[in-house]
């Protein structure tokens, strides 16, 4: 008898859920990631959505993707900010290392995020992204393609820094570079 034969399907599911942030709720057809309901899709589905948006909305497709990314990033930022405050960290000045670690370790599948520059009171944030999901075809574009990711980063950093943040993609794997690079700038006085 194999060692797996001692466990029922439900006990295996509980065991996996105990050590993993993803919980499969087969009884109701749901998947949860850190308690949030999610839908798991292949990476190429996003490219299919982008193509359909471009077909229907033309150049506005990239704007739509950036707005959607910003909304997702805003929600993620609010959750991370609440977590920081629950740990006793008050205000963005008190937790730059938390911000860096939280953004780098929050893996939602967009790629491996690295915060290259972020200091206390810093108005600029420099980010690199390895294996970005929007740039799956290296060298296939003349322009940066990571509009959803840019919006996501703007949203999450706006919440975590407590300032309005806008950014731009400086380099992109879709243009043949090794990784995507973003520069975010906080608007002073917000």
N, C-alpha and C. Protein backbone atom coordinates (compact mmCIF):
# COMPACT_ATOMS: atom_id res chain seq x y z
N UNK A 1 0.85 -1.18 0.00
CA UNK A 1 0.00 0.00 0.00
C UNK A 1 0.89 1.24 0.00
N UNK A 2 0.62 2.14 -0.90
CA UNK A 2 1.43 3.37 -0.97
C UNK A 2 1.09 4.28 0.20
N UNK A 3 2.02 5.21 0.47
CA UNK A 3 1.78 6.14 1.58
C UNK A 3 0.58 7.04 1.29
N UNK A 4 0.28 7.26 0.02
CA UNK A 4 -0.88 8.08 -0.32
C UNK A 4 -2.18 7.36 -0.04
N UNK A 5 -2.16 6.02 -0.02
CA UNK A 5 -3.36 5.26 0.21
C UNK A 5 -3.95 5.46 1.59
N UNK A 6 -3.15 5.98 2.52
CA UNK A 6 -3.63 6.21 3.88
C UNK A 6 -4.46 7.49 4.01
N UNK A 7 -4.42 8.34 3.02
CA UNK A 7 -5.11 9.62 3.10
C UNK A 7 -6.32 9.64 2.18
N UNK A 8 -7.41 10.19 2.68
CA UNK A 8 -8.57 10.39 1.82
C UNK A 8 -8.32 11.62 0.97
N UNK A 9 -9.13 11.82 -0.05
CA UNK A 9 -8.99 13.01 -0.91
C UNK A 9 -9.12 14.28 -0.08
N UNK A 10 -10.06 14.30 0.87
CA UNK A 10 -10.26 15.50 1.69
C UNK A 10 -9.08 15.76 2.62
N UNK A 11 -8.50 14.70 3.22
CA UNK A 11 -7.37 14.94 4.11
C UNK A 11 -6.15 15.40 3.32
N UNK A 12 -5.95 14.90 2.11
CA UNK A 12 -4.86 15.38 1.26
C UNK A 12 -5.07 16.85 0.92
N UNK A 13 -6.30 17.23 0.59
CA UNK A 13 -6.62 18.62 0.26
C UNK A 13 -6.31 19.53 1.45
N UNK A 14 -6.68 19.08 2.66
CA UNK A 14 -6.40 19.87 3.86
C UNK A 14 -4.89 19.99 4.09
N UNK A 15 -4.16 18.90 3.88
CA UNK A 15 -2.72 18.92 4.05
C UNK A 15 -2.07 19.90 3.07
N UNK A 16 -2.46 19.85 1.82
CA UNK A 16 -1.91 20.76 0.82
C UNK A 16 -2.29 22.20 1.16
N UNK A 17 -3.53 22.42 1.56
CA UNK A 17 -3.98 23.77 1.92
C UNK A 17 -3.23 24.32 3.11
N UNK A 18 -2.80 23.45 4.02
CA UNK A 18 -2.10 23.90 5.22
C UNK A 18 -0.71 24.44 4.90
N UNK A 19 -0.07 23.93 3.85
CA UNK A 19 1.28 24.36 3.52
C UNK A 19 1.34 25.23 2.27
N UNK A 20 0.22 25.51 1.68
CA UNK A 20 0.20 26.26 0.44
C UNK A 20 -0.80 27.40 0.55
N UNK A 21 -0.49 28.52 -0.08
CA UNK A 21 -1.39 29.67 -0.04
C UNK A 21 -2.56 29.49 -1.01
N UNK A 22 -2.52 28.45 -1.83
CA UNK A 22 -3.62 28.17 -2.76
C UNK A 22 -4.48 27.06 -2.16
N UNK A 23 -5.78 27.28 -2.16
CA UNK A 23 -6.71 26.29 -1.62
C UNK A 23 -7.72 25.93 -2.71
N UNK A 24 -7.77 24.65 -3.05
CA UNK A 24 -8.73 24.17 -4.04
C UNK A 24 -9.98 23.71 -3.31
N UNK A 25 -11.09 24.36 -3.61
CA UNK A 25 -12.37 24.00 -2.99
C UNK A 25 -13.21 23.27 -4.03
N UNK A 26 -12.84 22.04 -4.28
CA UNK A 26 -13.49 21.25 -5.33
C UNK A 26 -14.98 21.07 -5.10
N UNK A 27 -15.39 21.01 -3.83
CA UNK A 27 -16.81 20.77 -3.53
C UNK A 27 -17.71 21.89 -4.05
N UNK A 28 -17.15 23.10 -4.25
CA UNK A 28 -17.95 24.21 -4.79
C UNK A 28 -17.34 24.79 -6.06
N UNK A 29 -16.27 24.14 -6.58
CA UNK A 29 -15.67 24.58 -7.83
C UNK A 29 -14.94 25.92 -7.73
N UNK A 30 -14.26 26.16 -6.60
CA UNK A 30 -13.54 27.43 -6.41
C UNK A 30 -12.09 27.18 -6.07
N UNK A 31 -11.29 28.20 -6.35
CA UNK A 31 -9.89 28.22 -5.95
C UNK A 31 -9.68 29.51 -5.17
N UNK A 32 -8.96 29.41 -4.05
CA UNK A 32 -8.66 30.60 -3.24
C UNK A 32 -7.15 30.79 -3.16
N UNK A 33 -6.73 32.03 -3.17
CA UNK A 33 -5.34 32.41 -3.01
C UNK A 33 -5.28 33.38 -1.85
N UNK A 34 -4.69 32.97 -0.73
CA UNK A 34 -4.67 33.76 0.50
C UNK A 34 -6.07 34.24 0.87
N UNK A 35 -7.06 33.35 0.72
CA UNK A 35 -8.42 33.67 1.13
C UNK A 35 -9.26 34.40 0.10
N UNK A 36 -8.67 34.79 -1.02
CA UNK A 36 -9.40 35.48 -2.08
C UNK A 36 -9.76 34.49 -3.19
N UNK A 37 -10.98 34.53 -3.68
CA UNK A 37 -11.37 33.67 -4.79
C UNK A 37 -10.63 34.11 -6.04
N UNK A 38 -10.07 33.13 -6.77
CA UNK A 38 -9.33 33.41 -7.99
C UNK A 38 -9.76 32.46 -9.09
N UNK A 39 -9.40 32.82 -10.31
CA UNK A 39 -9.59 31.97 -11.47
C UNK A 39 -8.20 31.71 -12.03
N UNK A 40 -7.84 30.47 -12.21
CA UNK A 40 -6.54 30.13 -12.77
C UNK A 40 -6.68 30.02 -14.28
N UNK A 41 -5.86 30.78 -15.00
CA UNK A 41 -5.86 30.76 -16.45
C UNK A 41 -4.44 30.57 -16.95
N UNK A 42 -4.30 30.00 -18.13
CA UNK A 42 -2.98 29.92 -18.75
C UNK A 42 -2.50 31.33 -19.08
N UNK A 43 -1.19 31.53 -19.10
CA UNK A 43 -0.64 32.85 -19.41
C UNK A 43 -1.06 33.35 -20.79
N UNK A 44 -1.20 32.45 -21.74
CA UNK A 44 -1.54 32.89 -23.09
C UNK A 44 -2.97 33.41 -23.20
N UNK A 45 -3.81 33.14 -22.22
CA UNK A 45 -5.18 33.66 -22.22
C UNK A 45 -5.15 35.19 -22.19
N UNK A 46 -4.22 35.75 -21.42
CA UNK A 46 -4.10 37.21 -21.35
C UNK A 46 -3.77 37.79 -22.73
N UNK A 47 -2.92 37.12 -23.47
CA UNK A 47 -2.58 37.58 -24.83
C UNK A 47 -3.81 37.51 -25.74
N UNK A 48 -4.61 36.47 -25.59
CA UNK A 48 -5.85 36.37 -26.37
C UNK A 48 -6.81 37.51 -26.03
N UNK A 49 -6.92 37.83 -24.74
CA UNK A 49 -7.77 38.95 -24.30
C UNK A 49 -7.25 40.25 -24.89
N UNK A 50 -5.92 40.45 -24.84
CA UNK A 50 -5.31 41.67 -25.39
C UNK A 50 -5.63 41.80 -26.90
N UNK A 51 -5.51 40.70 -27.63
CA UNK A 51 -5.79 40.73 -29.08
C UNK A 51 -7.24 41.09 -29.36
N UNK A 52 -8.15 40.51 -28.59
CA UNK A 52 -9.58 40.83 -28.78
C UNK A 52 -9.87 42.27 -28.41
N UNK A 53 -9.29 42.74 -27.31
CA UNK A 53 -9.46 44.15 -26.93
C UNK A 53 -8.93 45.07 -28.03
N UNK A 54 -7.78 44.74 -28.59
CA UNK A 54 -7.20 45.56 -29.67
C UNK A 54 -8.09 45.54 -30.90
N UNK A 55 -8.66 44.38 -31.21
CA UNK A 55 -9.54 44.27 -32.37
C UNK A 55 -10.78 45.14 -32.19
N UNK A 56 -11.34 45.12 -30.98
CA UNK A 56 -12.58 45.84 -30.71
C UNK A 56 -12.34 47.32 -30.37
N UNK A 57 -11.32 47.59 -29.56
CA UNK A 57 -11.13 48.95 -29.04
C UNK A 57 -9.93 49.68 -29.65
N UNK A 58 -9.18 49.02 -30.50
CA UNK A 58 -8.02 49.67 -31.12
C UNK A 58 -6.97 50.05 -30.08
N UNK A 59 -6.42 51.26 -30.24
CA UNK A 59 -5.35 51.73 -29.35
C UNK A 59 -5.83 51.88 -27.90
N UNK A 60 -7.13 51.99 -27.68
CA UNK A 60 -7.65 52.12 -26.32
C UNK A 60 -7.46 50.84 -25.51
N UNK A 61 -7.15 49.73 -26.17
CA UNK A 61 -6.95 48.46 -25.46
C UNK A 61 -5.86 48.58 -24.40
N UNK A 62 -4.77 49.25 -24.74
CA UNK A 62 -3.66 49.39 -23.78
C UNK A 62 -4.07 50.24 -22.58
N UNK A 63 -4.88 51.25 -22.82
CA UNK A 63 -5.38 52.10 -21.73
C UNK A 63 -6.28 51.28 -20.82
N UNK A 64 -7.14 50.47 -21.41
CA UNK A 64 -8.04 49.61 -20.63
C UNK A 64 -7.23 48.65 -19.77
N UNK A 65 -6.20 48.04 -20.34
CA UNK A 65 -5.36 47.11 -19.58
C UNK A 65 -4.65 47.82 -18.43
N UNK A 66 -4.15 49.03 -18.68
CA UNK A 66 -3.47 49.77 -17.62
C UNK A 66 -4.43 50.15 -16.49
N UNK A 67 -5.62 50.57 -16.84
CA UNK A 67 -6.63 50.92 -15.83
C UNK A 67 -7.00 49.67 -15.00
N UNK A 68 -7.19 48.55 -15.69
CA UNK A 68 -7.52 47.31 -14.97
C UNK A 68 -6.38 46.90 -14.04
N UNK A 69 -5.15 47.00 -14.52
CA UNK A 69 -3.99 46.68 -13.69
C UNK A 69 -3.90 47.58 -12.48
N UNK A 70 -4.18 48.86 -12.68
CA UNK A 70 -4.12 49.82 -11.57
C UNK A 70 -5.17 49.47 -10.51
N UNK A 71 -6.33 49.05 -10.94
CA UNK A 71 -7.39 48.68 -9.99
C UNK A 71 -6.97 47.46 -9.17
N UNK A 72 -6.39 46.46 -9.84
CA UNK A 72 -5.92 45.26 -9.14
C UNK A 72 -4.79 45.62 -8.17
N UNK A 73 -3.85 46.44 -8.62
CA UNK A 73 -2.75 46.88 -7.77
C UNK A 73 -3.22 47.68 -6.58
N UNK A 74 -4.23 48.51 -6.78
CA UNK A 74 -4.80 49.30 -5.68
C UNK A 74 -5.36 48.39 -4.60
N UNK A 75 -6.12 47.38 -5.00
CA UNK A 75 -6.69 46.43 -4.04
C UNK A 75 -5.59 45.67 -3.31
N UNK A 76 -4.58 45.24 -4.05
CA UNK A 76 -3.47 44.51 -3.44
C UNK A 76 -2.72 45.42 -2.45
N UNK A 77 -2.52 46.67 -2.85
CA UNK A 77 -1.85 47.64 -1.99
C UNK A 77 -2.61 47.92 -0.71
N UNK A 78 -3.93 48.03 -0.81
CA UNK A 78 -4.75 48.23 0.39
C UNK A 78 -4.60 47.07 1.36
N UNK A 79 -4.60 45.84 0.83
CA UNK A 79 -4.46 44.66 1.68
C UNK A 79 -3.08 44.62 2.34
N UNK A 80 -2.03 44.93 1.59
CA UNK A 80 -0.68 44.93 2.15
C UNK A 80 -0.50 46.05 3.18
N UNK A 81 -1.09 47.21 2.91
CA UNK A 81 -1.01 48.33 3.85
C UNK A 81 -1.70 47.97 5.16
N UNK A 82 -2.86 47.34 5.08
CA UNK A 82 -3.58 46.90 6.28
C UNK A 82 -2.74 45.89 7.07
N UNK A 83 -2.06 45.00 6.36
CA UNK A 83 -1.19 44.01 7.01
C UNK A 83 -0.05 44.72 7.73
N UNK A 84 0.58 45.70 7.09
CA UNK A 84 1.68 46.45 7.71
C UNK A 84 1.20 47.16 8.97
N UNK A 85 0.05 47.78 8.89
CA UNK A 85 -0.49 48.51 10.04
C UNK A 85 -0.85 47.55 11.17
N UNK A 86 -1.32 46.34 10.82
CA UNK A 86 -1.64 45.35 11.86
C UNK A 86 -0.38 44.86 12.56
N UNK A 87 0.76 45.01 11.89
CA UNK A 87 2.05 44.64 12.50
C UNK A 87 2.66 45.79 13.30
N UNK A 88 1.91 46.91 13.36
CA UNK A 88 2.38 48.06 14.14
C UNK A 88 3.19 49.06 13.34
N UNK A 89 3.28 48.89 12.04
CA UNK A 89 4.01 49.83 11.19
C UNK A 89 3.05 50.94 10.77
N UNK A 90 3.33 52.15 11.17
CA UNK A 90 2.43 53.28 10.90
C UNK A 90 3.00 54.19 9.83
N UNK A 91 2.34 54.26 8.72
CA UNK A 91 2.73 55.18 7.65
C UNK A 91 3.86 54.65 6.80
N UNK A 92 3.92 55.09 5.55
CA UNK A 92 4.90 54.59 4.60
C UNK A 92 6.35 54.84 5.01
N UNK A 93 6.60 55.93 5.73
CA UNK A 93 7.98 56.23 6.15
C UNK A 93 8.50 55.16 7.10
N UNK A 94 7.60 54.50 7.84
CA UNK A 94 8.00 53.53 8.85
C UNK A 94 8.24 52.14 8.26
N UNK A 95 7.83 51.92 7.01
CA UNK A 95 7.98 50.56 6.50
C UNK A 95 8.50 50.44 5.07
N UNK A 96 9.60 51.14 4.71
CA UNK A 96 10.12 50.95 3.35
C UNK A 96 10.59 49.52 3.09
N UNK A 97 11.19 48.86 4.09
CA UNK A 97 11.65 47.48 3.90
C UNK A 97 10.45 46.54 3.76
N UNK A 98 9.36 46.83 4.52
CA UNK A 98 8.14 46.03 4.37
C UNK A 98 7.59 46.17 2.95
N UNK A 99 7.57 47.41 2.43
CA UNK A 99 7.06 47.66 1.08
C UNK A 99 7.88 46.85 0.07
N UNK A 100 9.19 46.94 0.16
CA UNK A 100 10.07 46.23 -0.77
C UNK A 100 9.82 44.72 -0.70
N UNK A 101 9.83 44.18 0.50
CA UNK A 101 9.64 42.74 0.67
C UNK A 101 8.25 42.31 0.23
N UNK A 102 7.24 43.06 0.62
CA UNK A 102 5.86 42.70 0.27
C UNK A 102 5.66 42.65 -1.24
N UNK A 103 6.17 43.66 -1.94
CA UNK A 103 6.00 43.70 -3.40
C UNK A 103 6.79 42.58 -4.06
N UNK A 104 8.00 42.33 -3.58
CA UNK A 104 8.83 41.29 -4.19
C UNK A 104 8.31 39.89 -3.90
N UNK A 105 7.70 39.68 -2.74
CA UNK A 105 7.28 38.34 -2.35
C UNK A 105 5.82 38.04 -2.65
N UNK A 106 5.03 39.04 -3.02
CA UNK A 106 3.64 38.80 -3.38
C UNK A 106 3.63 38.26 -4.80
N UNK A 107 3.53 36.97 -4.93
CA UNK A 107 3.61 36.33 -6.23
C UNK A 107 2.21 36.07 -6.76
N UNK A 108 1.79 36.91 -7.69
CA UNK A 108 0.50 36.67 -8.33
C UNK A 108 0.68 36.18 -9.76
N UNK A 109 1.92 35.86 -10.11
CA UNK A 109 2.18 35.29 -11.42
C UNK A 109 2.54 36.29 -12.50
N UNK A 110 2.77 37.55 -12.16
CA UNK A 110 3.12 38.53 -13.20
C UNK A 110 4.59 38.43 -13.60
N UNK A 111 5.41 37.76 -12.82
CA UNK A 111 6.84 37.64 -13.05
C UNK A 111 7.56 37.87 -11.73
N UNK A 112 8.88 37.82 -11.76
CA UNK A 112 9.67 38.01 -10.55
C UNK A 112 10.01 39.49 -10.42
N UNK A 113 9.37 40.14 -9.46
CA UNK A 113 9.52 41.59 -9.24
C UNK A 113 10.72 41.83 -8.33
N UNK A 114 11.54 42.82 -8.70
CA UNK A 114 12.64 43.28 -7.86
C UNK A 114 12.56 44.79 -7.74
N UNK A 115 12.49 45.28 -6.51
CA UNK A 115 12.52 46.72 -6.28
C UNK A 115 13.99 47.11 -6.21
N UNK A 116 14.45 47.84 -7.22
CA UNK A 116 15.86 48.18 -7.33
C UNK A 116 16.22 49.42 -6.52
N UNK A 117 15.26 50.33 -6.41
CA UNK A 117 15.51 51.59 -5.70
C UNK A 117 14.25 52.00 -4.97
N UNK A 118 14.34 52.12 -3.66
CA UNK A 118 13.26 52.61 -2.83
C UNK A 118 13.85 52.96 -1.48
N UNK A 119 13.86 54.23 -1.18
CA UNK A 119 14.38 54.66 0.10
C UNK A 119 13.33 55.43 0.87
N UNK A 120 13.59 55.67 2.12
CA UNK A 120 12.66 56.43 2.94
C UNK A 120 12.52 57.83 2.36
N UNK A 121 11.31 58.25 2.10
CA UNK A 121 11.04 59.57 1.54
C UNK A 121 11.38 59.67 0.06
N UNK A 122 11.77 58.56 -0.56
CA UNK A 122 12.16 58.58 -1.96
C UNK A 122 10.93 58.85 -2.83
N UNK A 123 11.09 59.70 -3.81
CA UNK A 123 9.97 60.03 -4.70
C UNK A 123 9.97 59.14 -5.95
N UNK A 124 11.02 58.35 -6.16
CA UNK A 124 11.12 57.47 -7.31
C UNK A 124 11.31 56.03 -6.86
N UNK A 125 10.71 55.13 -7.61
CA UNK A 125 10.86 53.71 -7.37
C UNK A 125 11.29 53.08 -8.69
N UNK A 126 12.39 52.34 -8.65
CA UNK A 126 12.89 51.65 -9.82
C UNK A 126 12.64 50.16 -9.64
N UNK A 127 12.04 49.53 -10.66
CA UNK A 127 11.63 48.13 -10.56
C UNK A 127 12.09 47.36 -11.79
N UNK A 128 12.55 46.14 -11.57
CA UNK A 128 12.82 45.24 -12.69
C UNK A 128 11.87 44.05 -12.57
N UNK A 129 11.52 43.48 -13.69
CA UNK A 129 10.59 42.35 -13.73
C UNK A 129 11.16 41.29 -14.65
N UNK A 130 11.51 40.16 -14.06
CA UNK A 130 12.02 39.03 -14.81
C UNK A 130 10.86 38.12 -15.18
N UNK A 131 10.84 37.65 -16.42
CA UNK A 131 9.80 36.71 -16.86
C UNK A 131 8.40 37.30 -16.78
N UNK A 132 8.25 38.57 -17.15
CA UNK A 132 6.95 39.22 -17.13
C UNK A 132 5.96 38.53 -18.06
N UNK A 133 4.77 38.29 -17.56
CA UNK A 133 3.79 37.52 -18.32
C UNK A 133 3.28 38.24 -19.56
N UNK A 134 3.36 39.56 -19.60
CA UNK A 134 2.89 40.29 -20.78
C UNK A 134 3.92 40.32 -21.90
N UNK A 135 5.13 39.90 -21.61
CA UNK A 135 6.21 39.93 -22.60
C UNK A 135 6.67 38.50 -22.89
N UNK A 136 5.71 37.61 -23.12
CA UNK A 136 6.02 36.20 -23.34
C UNK A 136 6.77 35.93 -24.64
N UNK A 137 6.69 36.84 -25.59
CA UNK A 137 7.39 36.64 -26.86
C UNK A 137 8.56 37.61 -26.93
N UNK A 138 9.72 37.23 -26.35
CA UNK A 138 10.88 38.14 -26.36
C UNK A 138 11.26 38.56 -27.77
N UNK A 139 11.46 39.85 -27.94
CA UNK A 139 11.86 40.40 -29.23
C UNK A 139 10.73 40.54 -30.23
N UNK A 140 9.48 40.32 -29.81
CA UNK A 140 8.36 40.36 -30.74
C UNK A 140 7.71 41.73 -30.91
N UNK A 141 8.27 42.77 -30.28
CA UNK A 141 7.65 44.09 -30.34
C UNK A 141 8.72 45.18 -30.40
N UNK A 142 8.35 46.30 -30.98
CA UNK A 142 9.25 47.45 -31.01
C UNK A 142 9.05 48.36 -29.81
N UNK A 143 7.91 48.19 -29.13
CA UNK A 143 7.57 49.05 -27.98
C UNK A 143 7.31 48.18 -26.75
N UNK A 144 7.41 48.79 -25.56
CA UNK A 144 7.04 48.06 -24.34
C UNK A 144 5.59 47.59 -24.42
N UNK A 145 5.31 46.45 -23.81
CA UNK A 145 3.97 45.85 -23.91
C UNK A 145 3.30 45.59 -22.57
N UNK A 146 3.92 45.96 -21.46
CA UNK A 146 3.43 45.56 -20.14
C UNK A 146 2.50 46.60 -19.52
N UNK A 147 1.39 46.86 -20.16
CA UNK A 147 0.46 47.90 -19.72
C UNK A 147 -0.28 47.52 -18.44
N UNK A 148 -0.75 46.28 -18.36
CA UNK A 148 -1.42 45.82 -17.14
C UNK A 148 -0.45 45.88 -15.95
N UNK A 149 0.77 45.39 -16.16
CA UNK A 149 1.77 45.38 -15.09
C UNK A 149 2.11 46.79 -14.64
N UNK A 150 2.27 47.72 -15.57
CA UNK A 150 2.55 49.11 -15.22
C UNK A 150 1.43 49.66 -14.34
N UNK A 151 0.19 49.45 -14.74
CA UNK A 151 -0.95 49.91 -13.93
C UNK A 151 -0.97 49.25 -12.56
N UNK A 152 -0.67 47.95 -12.51
CA UNK A 152 -0.62 47.23 -11.24
C UNK A 152 0.41 47.86 -10.31
N UNK A 153 1.60 48.11 -10.83
CA UNK A 153 2.66 48.71 -10.01
C UNK A 153 2.28 50.11 -9.54
N UNK A 154 1.66 50.90 -10.42
CA UNK A 154 1.20 52.24 -10.01
C UNK A 154 0.19 52.14 -8.87
N UNK A 155 -0.75 51.22 -8.98
CA UNK A 155 -1.80 51.06 -7.97
C UNK A 155 -1.25 50.61 -6.63
N UNK A 156 -0.40 49.60 -6.65
CA UNK A 156 0.12 49.06 -5.39
C UNK A 156 1.01 50.08 -4.69
N UNK A 157 1.87 50.77 -5.45
CA UNK A 157 2.76 51.75 -4.82
C UNK A 157 2.03 53.02 -4.40
N UNK A 158 0.97 53.39 -5.08
CA UNK A 158 0.17 54.53 -4.62
C UNK A 158 -0.36 54.25 -3.22
N UNK A 159 -0.85 53.05 -3.00
CA UNK A 159 -1.37 52.70 -1.68
C UNK A 159 -0.26 52.58 -0.64
N UNK A 160 0.82 51.90 -0.98
CA UNK A 160 1.88 51.64 -0.01
C UNK A 160 2.68 52.89 0.35
N UNK A 161 2.84 53.81 -0.60
CA UNK A 161 3.60 55.02 -0.33
C UNK A 161 2.73 56.17 0.16
N UNK A 162 1.41 56.03 0.01
CA UNK A 162 0.51 57.09 0.46
C UNK A 162 0.58 58.34 -0.42
N UNK A 163 1.06 58.18 -1.65
CA UNK A 163 1.18 59.28 -2.61
C UNK A 163 0.74 58.78 -3.97
N UNK A 164 0.19 59.67 -4.77
CA UNK A 164 -0.17 59.29 -6.15
C UNK A 164 1.11 58.94 -6.91
N UNK A 165 1.11 57.78 -7.54
CA UNK A 165 2.29 57.31 -8.26
C UNK A 165 1.94 57.10 -9.73
N UNK A 166 2.77 57.60 -10.61
CA UNK A 166 2.65 57.37 -12.06
C UNK A 166 3.96 56.78 -12.53
N UNK A 167 3.91 56.03 -13.60
CA UNK A 167 5.14 55.39 -14.06
C UNK A 167 5.21 55.23 -15.55
N UNK A 168 6.35 54.66 -15.96
CA UNK A 168 6.53 54.32 -17.37
C UNK A 168 7.44 53.10 -17.45
N UNK A 169 7.30 52.37 -18.53
CA UNK A 169 8.14 51.21 -18.75
C UNK A 169 9.34 51.64 -19.58
N UNK A 170 10.52 51.50 -19.00
CA UNK A 170 11.75 51.96 -19.66
C UNK A 170 12.35 50.90 -20.58
N UNK A 171 12.17 49.65 -20.21
CA UNK A 171 12.71 48.55 -21.00
C UNK A 171 11.75 47.39 -20.95
N UNK A 172 11.78 46.56 -22.00
CA UNK A 172 10.80 45.47 -22.06
C UNK A 172 11.40 44.24 -22.72
N UNK A 173 11.12 43.10 -22.13
CA UNK A 173 11.54 41.82 -22.69
C UNK A 173 10.93 41.60 -24.07
N UNK A 174 9.75 42.14 -24.30
CA UNK A 174 9.10 42.00 -25.61
C UNK A 174 9.91 42.70 -26.71
N UNK A 175 10.77 43.65 -26.30
CA UNK A 175 11.66 44.32 -27.27
C UNK A 175 13.01 43.60 -27.37
N UNK A 176 13.15 42.47 -26.70
CA UNK A 176 14.38 41.70 -26.77
C UNK A 176 15.33 41.93 -25.61
N UNK A 177 14.94 42.73 -24.64
CA UNK A 177 15.79 42.96 -23.47
C UNK A 177 15.67 41.79 -22.50
N UNK A 178 16.61 41.67 -21.57
CA UNK A 178 16.62 40.54 -20.65
C UNK A 178 15.46 40.57 -19.65
N UNK A 179 15.00 41.76 -19.29
CA UNK A 179 13.90 41.90 -18.35
C UNK A 179 13.21 43.24 -18.60
N UNK A 180 12.06 43.42 -17.99
CA UNK A 180 11.30 44.67 -18.11
C UNK A 180 11.72 45.60 -16.98
N UNK A 181 11.81 46.90 -17.26
CA UNK A 181 12.21 47.88 -16.26
C UNK A 181 11.16 48.99 -16.20
N UNK A 182 10.82 49.37 -14.97
CA UNK A 182 9.81 50.40 -14.74
C UNK A 182 10.39 51.48 -13.83
N UNK A 183 9.97 52.72 -14.07
CA UNK A 183 10.30 53.81 -13.18
C UNK A 183 8.99 54.44 -12.74
N UNK A 184 8.77 54.47 -11.44
CA UNK A 184 7.56 55.06 -10.86
C UNK A 184 7.96 56.34 -10.14
N UNK A 185 7.14 57.37 -10.27
CA UNK A 185 7.42 58.64 -9.59
C UNK A 185 6.21 59.05 -8.78
N UNK A 186 6.46 59.41 -7.52
CA UNK A 186 5.40 59.87 -6.63
C UNK A 186 5.20 61.35 -6.83
N UNK A 187 3.95 61.75 -6.84
CA UNK A 187 3.60 63.16 -6.95
C UNK A 187 3.62 63.76 -5.55
N UNK A 188 4.43 64.77 -5.35
CA UNK A 188 4.58 65.40 -4.04
C UNK A 188 3.33 66.23 -3.76
N UNK A 189 2.89 66.20 -2.48
CA UNK A 189 1.76 67.03 -2.07
C UNK A 189 0.41 66.37 -2.19
N UNK A 190 0.36 65.09 -2.44
CA UNK A 190 -0.92 64.39 -2.56
C UNK A 190 -1.38 63.89 -1.22
